[in-house]
Amino acid sequence: MVLYQLLTLQLPFYSDDAYALALKHCVEVPPPPSRFGAVSPQLEEITLKALSKSRDARYQSAREMRQSLQRVLGADGALSGESAKQRRW
C-alpha cells in the first residue's frame, strides 16, 4: 500500500463506507499505478505483485520484495550497497 501511495499519491481503493472499502480490498484489483502518471513498468509490476489477492502470487517475504526493488532501482545507484549504507527493511 505504501509503495502504491508513493508512486501514485492515491489510495488504491476508496469508499465513504467502511464495509464497502473492506469489500473492495478483498475483491477488486487496484488500478495500475501508471493510470495516475508516469511509473516505470518494473516498479508497477513490483507494486501490483505486492498487492495481489492471491497469497501465492505475492512476495513471500520482505527480503524478496527488497531484492526486486534493488534490481530495479540499483541500476541508478538507489538502494545499492556502494552508494548507501546497508539497510534492514
Protein backbone atom coordinates (compact mmCIF):
# COMPACT_ATOMS: atom_id res chain seq x y z
CA MET A 1 0.00 0.00 0.00
CA VAL A 2 2.71 2.45 0.93
CA LEU A 3 4.63 1.90 -2.31
CA TYR A 4 1.40 2.33 -4.29
CA GLN A 5 0.71 5.61 -2.49
CA LEU A 6 4.28 6.84 -3.01
CA LEU A 7 4.04 6.18 -6.75
CA THR A 8 0.52 7.48 -7.33
CA LEU A 9 -0.28 9.87 -4.47
CA GLN A 10 -3.58 7.95 -4.34
CA LEU A 11 -5.09 5.19 -2.28
CA PRO A 12 -5.68 2.01 -4.28
CA PHE A 13 -9.28 1.88 -3.02
CA TYR A 14 -11.68 4.50 -1.69
CA SER A 15 -15.16 4.47 -0.23
CA ASP A 16 -17.04 6.54 2.33
CA ASP A 17 -18.49 3.32 3.73
CA ALA A 18 -16.17 1.10 5.81
CA TYR A 19 -17.90 -2.11 4.71
CA ALA A 20 -17.66 -1.18 1.03
CA LEU A 21 -13.99 -0.29 1.48
CA ALA A 22 -13.24 -3.64 3.12
CA LEU A 23 -15.07 -5.41 0.30
CA LYS A 24 -13.01 -3.55 -2.31
CA HIS A 25 -9.81 -4.65 -0.56
CA CYS A 26 -10.94 -8.27 -0.73
CA VAL A 27 -12.41 -8.38 -4.24
CA GLU A 28 -11.23 -5.59 -6.53
CA VAL A 29 -7.89 -5.33 -8.28
CA PRO A 30 -6.29 -1.91 -7.75
CA PRO A 31 -5.88 0.29 -10.80
CA PRO A 32 -2.36 0.13 -12.22
CA PRO A 33 -0.13 2.92 -10.87
CA SER A 34 0.62 4.07 -14.44
CA ARG A 35 -3.01 5.17 -14.70
CA PHE A 36 -2.14 8.12 -12.43
CA GLY A 37 1.13 9.18 -14.05
CA ALA A 38 4.48 8.07 -15.35
CA VAL A 39 5.58 4.97 -13.43
CA SER A 40 8.25 2.57 -14.64
CA PRO A 41 6.81 -0.76 -15.75
CA GLN A 42 9.18 -2.58 -13.39
CA LEU A 43 8.02 -0.61 -10.33
CA GLU A 44 4.42 -1.08 -11.38
CA GLU A 45 4.97 -4.83 -11.61
CA ILE A 46 6.52 -4.93 -8.12
CA THR A 47 3.68 -2.83 -6.69
CA LEU A 48 0.91 -4.92 -8.21
CA LYS A 49 2.61 -8.15 -7.16
CA ALA A 50 2.75 -6.89 -3.58
CA LEU A 51 -0.98 -6.07 -3.72
CA SER A 52 -2.02 -9.34 -5.34
CA LYS A 53 -5.12 -11.01 -3.92
CA SER A 54 -3.51 -14.44 -4.19
CA ARG A 55 -1.16 -15.25 -1.34
CA ASP A 56 1.00 -17.38 -3.63
CA ALA A 57 1.34 -14.56 -6.17
CA ARG A 58 2.57 -12.03 -3.58
CA TYR A 59 6.12 -11.70 -2.30
CA GLN A 60 6.74 -14.37 0.30
CA SER A 61 8.98 -12.11 2.39
CA ALA A 62 10.08 -8.52 2.75
CA ARG A 63 13.56 -9.66 1.71
CA GLU A 64 12.22 -10.98 -1.61
CA MET A 65 10.47 -7.66 -2.32
CA ARG A 66 13.57 -5.73 -1.32
CA GLN A 67 15.66 -7.76 -3.78
CA SER A 68 13.21 -6.95 -6.58
CA LEU A 69 13.35 -3.26 -5.69
CA GLN A 70 17.14 -3.35 -5.60
CA ARG A 71 17.29 -4.96 -9.06
CA VAL A 72 15.09 -2.20 -10.47
CA LEU A 73 16.45 0.77 -8.54
CA GLY A 74 20.02 -0.44 -8.08
CA ALA A 75 20.94 0.32 -11.67
CA ASP A 76 20.90 4.06 -10.99
CA GLY A 77 22.57 3.78 -7.58
CA ALA A 78 19.47 3.96 -5.40
CA LEU A 79 19.41 1.29 -2.69
CA SER A 80 22.77 -0.12 -3.77
CA GLY A 81 25.38 -1.10 -1.23
CA GLU A 82 28.05 1.17 -2.73
CA SER A 83 26.10 4.42 -2.61
CA ALA A 84 24.13 3.91 0.60
CA LYS A 85 24.54 2.16 3.92
CA GLN A 86 23.06 -1.33 4.04
CA ARG A 87 19.58 -1.11 5.48
CA ARG A 88 17.47 -3.75 7.14
CA TRP A 89 13.93 -3.29 5.81
